Protein backbone atom coordinates (compact mmCIF):
# COMPACT_ATOMS: atom_id res chain seq x y z
CA UNK A 1 40.85 -16.88 -124.43
CA UNK A 2 39.84 -14.46 -127.17
CA UNK A 3 41.93 -11.48 -128.33
CA UNK A 4 39.97 -7.95 -128.10
CA UNK A 5 40.84 -4.81 -129.81
CA UNK A 6 40.12 -1.51 -128.28
CA UNK A 7 40.22 1.75 -130.42
CA UNK A 8 41.69 3.83 -127.29
CA UNK A 9 42.91 3.35 -123.92
CA UNK A 10 39.85 4.67 -122.25
CA UNK A 11 37.67 1.80 -123.77
CA UNK A 12 39.91 -0.82 -122.13
CA UNK A 13 38.51 -2.33 -118.89
CA UNK A 14 40.65 -1.28 -115.72
CA UNK A 15 43.43 -3.92 -114.71
CA UNK A 16 42.26 -6.53 -111.87
CA UNK A 17 42.80 -4.66 -108.44
CA UNK A 18 44.76 -6.54 -105.60
CA UNK A 19 45.03 -5.34 -102.15
CA UNK A 20 48.65 -4.67 -101.50
CA UNK A 21 50.03 -7.28 -99.23
CA UNK A 22 47.13 -9.69 -99.92
CA UNK A 23 47.89 -13.39 -100.66
CA UNK A 24 46.72 -12.71 -104.51
CA UNK A 25 48.88 -9.55 -104.83
CA UNK A 26 52.00 -11.83 -103.44
CA UNK A 27 51.13 -14.66 -105.81
CA UNK A 28 50.88 -12.20 -108.92
CA UNK A 29 54.34 -10.67 -107.99
CA UNK A 30 55.99 -13.97 -107.59
CA UNK A 31 54.43 -14.97 -110.98
CA UNK A 32 55.72 -11.76 -112.50
CA UNK A 33 59.27 -12.11 -110.98
CA UNK A 34 59.57 -15.51 -112.17
CA UNK A 35 58.63 -14.68 -115.83
CA UNK A 36 60.90 -11.95 -115.71
CA UNK A 37 63.77 -14.30 -114.74
CA UNK A 38 62.84 -16.48 -117.53
CA UNK A 39 62.79 -14.02 -120.13
CA UNK A 40 65.83 -11.99 -118.99
CA UNK A 41 67.99 -14.04 -116.64
CA UNK A 42 70.83 -12.33 -114.75
CA UNK A 43 74.03 -12.28 -116.65
CA UNK A 44 76.45 -11.33 -113.69
CA UNK A 45 76.41 -12.49 -110.13
CA UNK A 46 74.85 -10.15 -107.50
CA UNK A 47 77.36 -8.26 -105.36
CA UNK A 48 79.73 -5.49 -105.62
CA UNK A 49 82.55 -5.46 -107.73
CA UNK A 50 85.56 -3.41 -107.92
CA UNK A 51 88.13 -2.55 -110.86
CA UNK A 52 90.91 -0.56 -111.43
CA UNK A 53 89.73 1.55 -114.22
CA UNK A 54 86.56 2.25 -116.18
CA UNK A 55 87.93 0.41 -119.21
CA UNK A 56 88.24 -2.56 -116.93
CA UNK A 57 84.79 -2.39 -115.76
CA UNK A 58 83.42 -1.95 -119.27
CA UNK A 59 85.13 -4.92 -120.51
CA UNK A 60 83.93 -6.96 -117.66
CA UNK A 61 80.41 -5.90 -118.38
CA UNK A 62 80.50 -6.39 -122.01
CA UNK A 63 81.95 -10.26 -121.19
CA UNK A 64 78.97 -10.78 -119.10
CA UNK A 65 76.35 -9.72 -121.68
CA UNK A 66 75.30 -12.89 -123.95
CA UNK A 67 75.09 -10.65 -126.92
CA UNK A 68 77.42 -7.89 -126.40
CA UNK A 69 79.67 -7.01 -129.37
CA UNK A 70 83.07 -7.68 -128.75
CA UNK A 71 84.57 -4.44 -129.90
CA UNK A 72 86.82 -2.55 -127.49
CA UNK A 73 85.44 0.01 -125.27
CA UNK A 74 85.20 3.49 -126.03
CA UNK A 75 88.17 5.75 -125.25
CA UNK A 76 87.31 7.11 -121.71
CA UNK A 77 89.96 9.68 -121.88
CA UNK A 78 88.67 11.94 -124.63
CA UNK A 79 85.19 12.59 -122.54
CA UNK A 80 83.20 11.54 -125.64
CA UNK A 81 84.10 14.80 -127.54
CA UNK A 82 85.39 14.49 -130.98
CA UNK A 83 88.12 17.20 -131.74
CA UNK A 84 87.01 19.71 -134.31
């Protein structure tokens, strides 16, 4: 499939149209979802989680992320403002 360059968006052809709910539309959605799962798999199990504090929730979120920095979470009591 050749690569084509366009000088502006107006020169591009419109995307292929699928009627909502048609079998072609459902196949395209399923393909998109499977590609998204491969590119960005879920890091946490689905469901509702309860934590005792915002700090505990932030630590759990950071530990579930694959590339999360392991620094401590920000101080939640300061409101994000620096004294000054």
